[in-house]
Amino acid sequence: KVIFAADVSDELIEAYVKTREGVDKAGGYGLQGMGS
């Protein structure tokens, strides 16, 4: 079970997407990296 932080902003999500770290991962984030 994974619980996302409620205070994550749209800006942080958009900035994370631009890193392209999560493009090859189910759900679009890497827990072992910046996705944490």
PDB file of all heavy atoms in Angstrom:
ATOM      1  N   LYS A   1       0.853  -1.189   0.000  1.00  0.00           N
ATOM      2  CA  LYS A   1       0.000   0.000   0.000  1.00  0.00           C
ATOM      3  C   LYS A   1       0.894   1.246   0.000  1.00  0.00           C
ATOM      4  O   LYS A   1       1.836   1.354   0.791  1.00  0.00           O
ATOM      5  CB  LYS A   1      -0.910   0.014   1.224  1.00  0.00           C
ATOM      6  CG  LYS A   1      -1.872   1.204   1.281  1.00  0.00           C
ATOM      7  CD  LYS A   1      -2.691   1.216   2.566  1.00  0.00           C
ATOM      8  CE  LYS A   1      -3.700   0.089   2.570  1.00  0.00           C
ATOM      9  NZ  LYS A   1      -4.607   0.189   3.765  1.00  0.00           N
ATOM     10  N   VAL A   2       0.595   2.165  -0.894  1.00  0.00           N
ATOM     11  CA  VAL A   2       1.375   3.399  -1.024  1.00  0.00           C
ATOM     12  C   VAL A   2       0.470   4.587  -0.722  1.00  0.00           C
ATOM     13  O   VAL A   2      -0.630   4.692  -1.281  1.00  0.00           O
ATOM     14  CB  VAL A   2       1.968   3.552  -2.441  1.00  0.00           C
ATOM     15  CG1 VAL A   2       2.809   4.816  -2.541  1.00  0.00           C
ATOM     16  CG2 VAL A   2       2.804   2.322  -2.811  1.00  0.00           C
ATOM     17  N   ILE A   3       0.930   5.461   0.166  1.00  0.00           N
ATOM     18  CA  ILE A   3       0.164   6.647   0.540  1.00  0.00           C
ATOM     19  C   ILE A   3       0.897   7.876   0.017  1.00  0.00           C
ATOM     20  O   ILE A   3       2.032   8.160   0.429  1.00  0.00           O
ATOM     21  CB  ILE A   3      -0.025   6.757   2.069  1.00  0.00           C
ATOM     22  CG1 ILE A   3      -0.833   5.546   2.579  1.00  0.00           C
ATOM     23  CG2 ILE A   3      -0.722   8.052   2.433  1.00  0.00           C
ATOM     24  CD1 ILE A   3      -0.007   4.360   3.015  1.00  0.00           C
ATOM     25  N   PHE A   4       0.277   8.572  -0.927  1.00  0.00           N
ATOM     26  CA  PHE A   4       0.854   9.802  -1.464  1.00  0.00           C
ATOM     27  C   PHE A   4       0.650  10.942  -0.459  1.00  0.00           C
ATOM     28  O   PHE A   4      -0.342  10.966   0.273  1.00  0.00           O
ATOM     29  CB  PHE A   4       0.184  10.169  -2.795  1.00  0.00           C
ATOM     30  CG  PHE A   4       0.997   9.778  -4.000  1.00  0.00           C
ATOM     31  CD1 PHE A   4       1.723   8.601  -4.021  1.00  0.00           C
ATOM     32  CD2 PHE A   4       1.037  10.589  -5.126  1.00  0.00           C
ATOM     33  CE1 PHE A   4       2.469   8.227  -5.128  1.00  0.00           C
ATOM     34  CE2 PHE A   4       1.778  10.241  -6.242  1.00  0.00           C
ATOM     35  CZ  PHE A   4       2.498   9.063  -6.247  1.00  0.00           C
ATOM     36  N   ALA A   5       1.566  11.884  -0.469  1.00  0.00           N
ATOM     37  CA  ALA A   5       1.462  13.059   0.397  1.00  0.00           C
ATOM     38  C   ALA A   5       0.386  13.993  -0.150  1.00  0.00           C
ATOM     39  O   ALA A   5       0.401  14.349  -1.330  1.00  0.00           O
ATOM     40  CB  ALA A   5       2.798  13.776   0.492  1.00  0.00           C
ATOM     41  N   ALA A   6      -0.544  14.405   0.712  1.00  0.00           N
ATOM     42  CA  ALA A   6      -1.662  15.243   0.273  1.00  0.00           C
ATOM     43  C   ALA A   6      -1.225  16.644  -0.126  1.00  0.00           C
ATOM     44  O   ALA A   6      -1.908  17.323  -0.891  1.00  0.00           O
ATOM     45  CB  ALA A   6      -2.716  15.318   1.382  1.00  0.00           C
ATOM     46  N   ASP A   7      -0.077  17.101   0.407  1.00  0.00           N
ATOM     47  CA  ASP A   7       0.355  18.474   0.145  1.00  0.00           C
ATOM     48  C   ASP A   7       1.266  18.593  -1.083  1.00  0.00           C
ATOM     49  O   ASP A   7       1.877  19.642  -1.306  1.00  0.00           O
ATOM     50  CB  ASP A   7       1.074  19.057   1.372  1.00  0.00           C
ATOM     51  CG  ASP A   7       2.303  18.241   1.775  1.00  0.00           C
ATOM     52  OD1 ASP A   7       2.526  17.169   1.172  1.00  0.00           O
ATOM     53  OD2 ASP A   7       3.027  18.668   2.690  1.00  0.00           O
ATOM     54  N   VAL A   8       1.372  17.526  -1.882  1.00  0.00           N
ATOM     55  CA  VAL A   8       2.156  17.604  -3.116  1.00  0.00           C
ATOM     56  C   VAL A   8       1.456  18.562  -4.087  1.00  0.00           C
ATOM     57  O   VAL A   8       0.288  18.374  -4.414  1.00  0.00           O
ATOM     58  CB  VAL A   8       2.319  16.216  -3.759  1.00  0.00           C
ATOM     59  CG1 VAL A   8       2.911  16.318  -5.146  1.00  0.00           C
ATOM     60  CG2 VAL A   8       3.190  15.327  -2.876  1.00  0.00           C
ATOM     61  N   SER A   9       2.163  19.564  -4.537  1.00  0.00           N
ATOM     62  CA  SER A   9       1.566  20.581  -5.397  1.00  0.00           C
ATOM     63  C   SER A   9       1.574  20.148  -6.865  1.00  0.00           C
ATOM     64  O   SER A   9       2.336  19.265  -7.269  1.00  0.00           O
ATOM     65  CB  SER A   9       2.326  21.903  -5.262  1.00  0.00           C
ATOM     66  OG  SER A   9       3.654  21.758  -5.760  1.00  0.00           O
ATOM     67  N   ASP A  10       0.705  20.819  -7.655  1.00  0.00           N
ATOM     68  CA  ASP A  10       0.710  20.584  -9.092  1.00  0.00           C
ATOM     69  C   ASP A  10       2.066  20.927  -9.687  1.00  0.00           C
ATOM     70  O   ASP A  10       2.551  20.254 -10.610  1.00  0.00           O
ATOM     71  CB  ASP A  10      -0.373  21.424  -9.778  1.00  0.00           C
ATOM     72  CG  ASP A  10      -1.783  20.917  -9.486  1.00  0.00           C
ATOM     73  OD1 ASP A  10      -1.901  19.837  -8.865  1.00  0.00           O
ATOM     74  OD2 ASP A  10      -2.740  21.602  -9.882  1.00  0.00           O
ATOM     75  N   GLU A  11       2.696  21.973  -9.138  1.00  0.00           N
ATOM     76  CA  GLU A  11       3.994  22.415  -9.647  1.00  0.00           C
ATOM     77  C   GLU A  11       5.061  21.341  -9.439  1.00  0.00           C
ATOM     78  O   GLU A  11       5.898  21.108 -10.316  1.00  0.00           O
ATOM     79  CB  GLU A  11       4.421  23.725  -8.969  1.00  0.00           C
ATOM     80  CG  GLU A  11       3.604  24.940  -9.353  1.00  0.00           C
ATOM     81  CD  GLU A  11       2.225  24.969  -8.695  1.00  0.00           C
ATOM     82  OE1 GLU A  11       2.020  24.249  -7.687  1.00  0.00           O
ATOM     83  OE2 GLU A  11       1.354  25.700  -9.221  1.00  0.00           O
ATOM     84  N   LEU A  12       5.030  20.678  -8.274  1.00  0.00           N
ATOM     85  CA  LEU A  12       6.009  19.626  -8.008  1.00  0.00           C
ATOM     86  C   LEU A  12       5.767  18.442  -8.942  1.00  0.00           C
ATOM     87  O   LEU A  12       6.721  17.855  -9.473  1.00  0.00           O
ATOM     88  CB  LEU A  12       5.933  19.170  -6.552  1.00  0.00           C
ATOM     89  CG  LEU A  12       6.873  18.024  -6.152  1.00  0.00           C
ATOM     90  CD1 LEU A  12       8.329  18.400  -6.431  1.00  0.00           C
ATOM     91  CD2 LEU A  12       6.691  17.652  -4.686  1.00  0.00           C
ATOM     92  N   ILE A  13       4.507  18.091  -9.149  1.00  0.00           N
ATOM     93  CA  ILE A  13       4.197  16.986 -10.053  1.00  0.00           C
ATOM     94  C   ILE A  13       4.693  17.293 -11.460  1.00  0.00           C
ATOM     95  O   ILE A  13       5.334  16.456 -12.115  1.00  0.00           O
ATOM     96  CB  ILE A  13       2.681  16.697 -10.053  1.00  0.00           C
ATOM     97  CG1 ILE A  13       2.279  16.008  -8.747  1.00  0.00           C
ATOM     98  CG2 ILE A  13       2.296  15.815 -11.252  1.00  0.00           C
ATOM     99  CD1 ILE A  13       0.792  15.764  -8.596  1.00  0.00           C
ATOM    100  N   GLU A  14       4.431  18.494 -11.941  1.00  0.00           N
ATOM    101  CA  GLU A  14       4.859  18.871 -13.291  1.00  0.00           C
ATOM    102  C   GLU A  14       6.379  18.909 -13.402  1.00  0.00           C
ATOM    103  O   GLU A  14       6.958  18.494 -14.420  1.00  0.00           O
ATOM    104  CB  GLU A  14       4.243  20.219 -13.659  1.00  0.00           C
ATOM    105  CG  GLU A  14       2.728  20.140 -13.859  1.00  0.00           C
ATOM    106  CD  GLU A  14       2.065  21.501 -13.918  1.00  0.00           C
ATOM    107  OE1 GLU A  14       2.793  22.523 -13.945  1.00  0.00           O
ATOM    108  OE2 GLU A  14       0.810  21.561 -13.953  1.00  0.00           O
ATOM    109  N   ALA A  15       7.043  19.395 -12.349  1.00  0.00           N
ATOM    110  CA  ALA A  15       8.503  19.415 -12.353  1.00  0.00           C
ATOM    111  C   ALA A  15       9.060  17.996 -12.350  1.00  0.00           C
ATOM    112  O   ALA A  15      10.052  17.695 -13.037  1.00  0.00           O
ATOM    113  CB  ALA A  15       9.022  20.196 -11.139  1.00  0.00           C
ATOM    114  N   TYR A  16       8.420  17.101 -11.588  1.00  0.00           N
ATOM    115  CA  TYR A  16       8.878  15.710 -11.545  1.00  0.00           C
ATOM    116  C   TYR A  16       8.710  15.032 -12.896  1.00  0.00           C
ATOM    117  O   TYR A  16       9.599  14.304 -13.361  1.00  0.00           O
ATOM    118  CB  TYR A  16       8.125  14.924 -10.468  1.00  0.00           C
ATOM    119  CG  TYR A  16       8.500  13.460 -10.452  1.00  0.00           C
ATOM    120  CD1 TYR A  16       9.748  13.055  -9.994  1.00  0.00           C
ATOM    121  CD2 TYR A  16       7.626  12.485 -10.928  1.00  0.00           C
ATOM    122  CE1 TYR A  16      10.123  11.720  -9.997  1.00  0.00           C
ATOM    123  CE2 TYR A  16       7.984  11.150 -10.932  1.00  0.00           C
ATOM    124  CZ  TYR A  16       9.236  10.772 -10.471  1.00  0.00           C
ATOM    125  OH  TYR A  16       9.601   9.450 -10.490  1.00  0.00           O
ATOM    126  N   VAL A  17       7.571  15.270 -13.532  1.00  0.00           N
ATOM    127  CA  VAL A  17       7.321  14.676 -14.851  1.00  0.00           C
ATOM    128  C   VAL A  17       8.398  15.105 -15.847  1.00  0.00           C
ATOM    129  O   VAL A  17       8.860  14.297 -16.669  1.00  0.00           O
ATOM    130  CB  VAL A  17       5.914  15.053 -15.353  1.00  0.00           C
ATOM    131  CG1 VAL A  17       5.755  14.708 -16.833  1.00  0.00           C
ATOM    132  CG2 VAL A  17       4.851  14.326 -14.530  1.00  0.00           C
ATOM    133  N   LYS A  18       8.842  16.348 -15.747  1.00  0.00           N
ATOM    134  CA  LYS A  18       9.858  16.856 -16.677  1.00  0.00           C
ATOM    135  C   LYS A  18      11.225  16.214 -16.464  1.00  0.00           C
ATOM    136  O   LYS A  18      12.068  16.240 -17.354  1.00  0.00           O
ATOM    137  CB  LYS A  18       9.967  18.377 -16.553  1.00  0.00           C
ATOM    138  CG  LYS A  18       8.759  19.107 -17.119  1.00  0.00           C
ATOM    139  CD  LYS A  18       8.868  20.614 -16.935  1.00  0.00           C
ATOM    140  CE  LYS A  18       7.629  21.314 -17.486  1.00  0.00           C
ATOM    141  NZ  LYS A  18       7.666  22.784 -17.256  1.00  0.00           N
ATOM    142  N   THR A  19      11.450  15.607 -15.299  1.00  0.00           N
ATOM    143  CA  THR A  19      12.720  14.898 -15.086  1.00  0.00           C
ATOM    144  C   THR A  19      12.781  13.611 -15.898  1.00  0.00           C
ATOM    145  O   THR A  19      13.862  13.065 -16.121  1.00  0.00           O
ATOM    146  CB  THR A  19      12.926  14.540 -13.604  1.00  0.00           C
ATOM    147  OG1 THR A  19      11.994  13.524 -13.213  1.00  0.00           O
ATOM    148  CG2 THR A  19      12.783  15.768 -12.714  1.00  0.00           C
ATOM    149  N   ARG A  20      11.603  13.105 -16.296  1.00  0.00           N
ATOM    150  CA  ARG A  20      11.475  11.856 -17.061  1.00  0.00           C
ATOM    151  C   ARG A  20      11.915  10.627 -16.264  1.00  0.00           C
ATOM    152  O   ARG A  20      12.103   9.554 -16.826  1.00  0.00           O
ATOM    153  CB  ARG A  20      12.230  11.933 -18.382  1.00  0.00           C
ATOM    154  CG  ARG A  20      11.711  12.997 -19.342  1.00  0.00           C
ATOM    155  CD  ARG A  20      10.277  12.707 -19.766  1.00  0.00           C
ATOM    156  NE  ARG A  20       9.810  13.551 -20.847  1.00  0.00           N
ATOM    157  CZ  ARG A  20       9.065  14.647 -20.701  1.00  0.00           C
ATOM    158  NH1 ARG A  20       8.724  15.064 -19.473  1.00  0.00           N
ATOM    159  NH2 ARG A  20       8.667  15.349 -21.745  1.00  0.00           N
ATOM    160  N   GLU A  21      12.076  10.753 -14.960  1.00  0.00           N
ATOM    161  CA  GLU A  21      12.478   9.611 -14.145  1.00  0.00           C
ATOM    162  C   GLU A  21      11.417   8.513 -14.165  1.00  0.00           C
ATOM    163  O   GLU A  21      11.736   7.321 -14.125  1.00  0.00           O
ATOM    164  CB  GLU A  21      12.719  10.046 -12.693  1.00  0.00           C
ATOM    165  CG  GLU A  21      13.113   8.901 -11.766  1.00  0.00           C
ATOM    166  CD  GLU A  21      13.177   9.314 -10.312  1.00  0.00           C
ATOM    167  OE1 GLU A  21      12.114   9.511  -9.686  1.00  0.00           O
ATOM    168  OE2 GLU A  21      14.306   9.452  -9.793  1.00  0.00           O
ATOM    169  N   GLY A  22      10.139   8.911 -14.225  1.00  0.00           N
ATOM    170  CA  GLY A  22       9.075   7.929 -14.074  1.00  0.00           C
ATOM    171  C   GLY A  22       8.479   7.405 -15.357  1.00  0.00           C
ATOM    172  O   GLY A  22       7.472   6.694 -15.313  1.00  0.00           O
ATOM    173  N   VAL A  23       9.091   7.718 -16.511  1.00  0.00           N
ATOM    174  CA  VAL A  23       8.469   7.341 -17.788  1.00  0.00           C
ATOM    175  C   VAL A  23       8.403   5.826 -17.992  1.00  0.00           C
ATOM    176  O   VAL A  23       7.520   5.330 -18.698  1.00  0.00           O
ATOM    177  CB  VAL A  23       9.201   7.988 -18.982  1.00  0.00           C
ATOM    178  CG1 VAL A  23       9.106   9.496 -18.913  1.00  0.00           C
ATOM    179  CG2 VAL A  23      10.655   7.540 -19.043  1.00  0.00           C
ATOM    180  N   ASP A  24       9.321   5.074 -17.388  1.00  0.00           N
ATOM    181  CA  ASP A  24       9.371   3.628 -17.607  1.00  0.00           C
ATOM    182  C   ASP A  24       8.877   2.848 -16.406  1.00  0.00           C
ATOM    183  O   ASP A  24       9.188   1.672 -16.258  1.00  0.00           O
ATOM    184  CB  ASP A  24      10.804   3.206 -17.944  1.00  0.00           C
ATOM    185  CG  ASP A  24      11.775   3.483 -16.803  1.00  0.00           C
ATOM    186  OD1 ASP A  24      11.489   4.364 -15.955  1.00  0.00           O
ATOM    187  OD2 ASP A  24      12.835   2.822 -16.753  1.00  0.00           O
ATOM    188  N   LYS A  25       8.092   3.505 -15.539  1.00  0.00           N
ATOM    189  CA  LYS A  25       7.672   2.865 -14.295  1.00  0.00           C
ATOM    190  C   LYS A  25       6.155   2.829 -14.174  1.00  0.00           C
ATOM    191  O   LYS A  25       5.474   3.805 -14.506  1.00  0.00           O
ATOM    192  CB  LYS A  25       8.275   3.599 -13.098  1.00  0.00           C
ATOM    193  CG  LYS A  25       9.803   3.583 -13.099  1.00  0.00           C
ATOM    194  CD  LYS A  25      10.362   4.504 -12.041  1.00  0.00           C
ATOM    195  CE  LYS A  25      11.894   4.460 -12.049  1.00  0.00           C
ATOM    196  NZ  LYS A  25      12.466   4.957 -13.300  1.00  0.00           N
ATOM    197  N   ALA A  26       5.632   1.712 -13.683  1.00  0.00           N
ATOM    198  CA  ALA A  26       4.197   1.597 -13.453  1.00  0.00           C
ATOM    199  C   ALA A  26       3.750   2.680 -12.472  1.00  0.00           C
ATOM    200  O   ALA A  26       4.369   2.876 -11.424  1.00  0.00           O
ATOM    201  CB  ALA A  26       3.862   0.220 -12.889  1.00  0.00           C
ATOM    202  N   GLY A  27       2.701   3.398 -12.821  1.00  0.00           N
ATOM    203  CA  GLY A  27       2.234   4.483 -11.971  1.00  0.00           C
ATOM    204  C   GLY A  27       2.934   5.796 -12.213  1.00  0.00           C
ATOM    205  O   GLY A  27       2.496   6.842 -11.749  1.00  0.00           O
ATOM    206  N   GLY A  28       4.077   5.758 -12.936  1.00  0.00           N
ATOM    207  CA  GLY A  28       4.752   6.983 -13.326  1.00  0.00           C
ATOM    208  C   GLY A  28       5.657   7.606 -12.286  1.00  0.00           C
ATOM    209  O   GLY A  28       6.028   8.773 -12.406  1.00  0.00           O
ATOM    210  N   TYR A  29       6.071   6.834 -11.261  1.00  0.00           N
ATOM    211  CA  TYR A  29       6.999   7.399 -10.272  1.00  0.00           C
ATOM    212  C   TYR A  29       7.974   6.323  -9.800  1.00  0.00           C
ATOM    213  O   TYR A  29       7.655   5.136  -9.811  1.00  0.00           O
ATOM    214  CB  TYR A  29       6.251   7.982  -9.064  1.00  0.00           C
ATOM    215  CG  TYR A  29       5.522   6.957  -8.222  1.00  0.00           C
ATOM    216  CD1 TYR A  29       6.116   6.386  -7.107  1.00  0.00           C
ATOM    217  CD2 TYR A  29       4.224   6.558  -8.545  1.00  0.00           C
ATOM    218  CE1 TYR A  29       5.456   5.441  -6.335  1.00  0.00           C
ATOM    219  CE2 TYR A  29       3.552   5.605  -7.790  1.00  0.00           C
ATOM    220  CZ  TYR A  29       4.173   5.056  -6.679  1.00  0.00           C
ATOM    221  OH  TYR A  29       3.518   4.113  -5.916  1.00  0.00           O
ATOM    222  N   GLY A  30       9.157   6.766  -9.400  1.00  0.00           N
ATOM    223  CA  GLY A  30      10.167   5.850  -8.891  1.00  0.00           C
ATOM    224  C   GLY A  30      10.410   6.103  -7.419  1.00  0.00           C
ATOM    225  O   GLY A  30      10.959   7.138  -7.045  1.00  0.00           O
ATOM    226  N   LEU A  31       9.985   5.172  -6.579  1.00  0.00           N
ATOM    227  CA  LEU A  31      10.119   5.348  -5.133  1.00  0.00           C
ATOM    228  C   LEU A  31      11.578   5.441  -4.709  1.00  0.00           C
ATOM    229  O   LEU A  31      11.913   6.070  -3.713  1.00  0.00           O
ATOM    230  CB  LEU A  31       9.431   4.190  -4.406  1.00  0.00           C
ATOM    231  CG  LEU A  31       9.361   4.278  -2.877  1.00  0.00           C
ATOM    232  CD1 LEU A  31       8.557   5.492  -2.436  1.00  0.00           C
ATOM    233  CD2 LEU A  31       8.748   3.005  -2.305  1.00  0.00           C
ATOM    234  N   GLN A  32      12.460   4.803  -5.475  1.00  0.00           N
ATOM    235  CA  GLN A  32      13.872   4.783  -5.122  1.00  0.00           C
ATOM    236  C   GLN A  32      14.604   6.058  -5.526  1.00  0.00           C
ATOM    237  O   GLN A  32      15.792   6.216  -5.226  1.00  0.00           O
ATOM    238  CB  GLN A  32      14.566   3.578  -5.786  1.00  0.00           C
ATOM    239  CG  GLN A  32      14.752   3.705  -7.297  1.00  0.00           C
ATOM    240  CD  GLN A  32      13.523   3.305  -8.088  1.00  0.00           C
ATOM    241  OE1 GLN A  32      12.400   3.353  -7.589  1.00  0.00           O
ATOM    242  NE2 GLN A  32      13.719   2.911  -9.328  1.00  0.00           N
ATOM    243  N   GLY A  33      13.915   6.975  -6.186  1.00  0.00           N
ATOM    244  CA  GLY A  33      14.560   8.210  -6.655  1.00  0.00           C
ATOM    245  C   GLY A  33      13.796   9.440  -6.220  1.00  0.00           C
ATOM    246  O   GLY A  33      13.264   9.511  -5.106  1.00  0.00           O
ATOM    247  N   MET A  34      13.709  10.416  -7.128  1.00  0.00           N
ATOM    248  CA  MET A  34      13.005  11.650  -6.809  1.00  0.00           C
ATOM    249  C   MET A  34      11.517  11.436  -6.584  1.00  0.00           C
ATOM    250  O   MET A  34      10.851  12.273  -5.959  1.00  0.00           O
ATOM    251  CB  MET A  34      13.229  12.675  -7.928  1.00  0.00           C
ATOM    252  CG  MET A  34      14.643  13.211  -8.009  1.00  0.00           C
ATOM    253  SD  MET A  34      14.856  14.402  -9.358  1.00  0.00           S
ATOM    254  CE  MET A  34      14.898  13.283 -10.784  1.00  0.00           C
ATOM    255  N   GLY A  35      10.987  10.325  -7.072  1.00  0.00           N
ATOM    256  CA  GLY A  35       9.582  10.020  -6.860  1.00  0.00           C
ATOM    257  C   GLY A  35       9.215   9.874  -5.398  1.00  0.00           C
ATOM    258  O   GLY A  35       8.036   9.977  -5.038  1.00  0.00           O
ATOM    259  N   SER A  36      10.205   9.649  -4.542  1.00  0.00           N
ATOM    260  CA  SER A  36       9.933   9.553  -3.101  1.00  0.00           C
ATOM    261  C   SER A  36       9.411  10.868  -2.538  1.00  0.00           C
ATOM    262  O   SER A  36       8.796  10.890  -1.468  1.00  0.00           O
ATOM    263  CB  SER A  36      11.196   9.128  -2.350  1.00  0.00           C
ATOM    264  OG  SER A  36      12.214  10.104  -2.504  1.00  0.00           O
TER     265      SER A  36
END
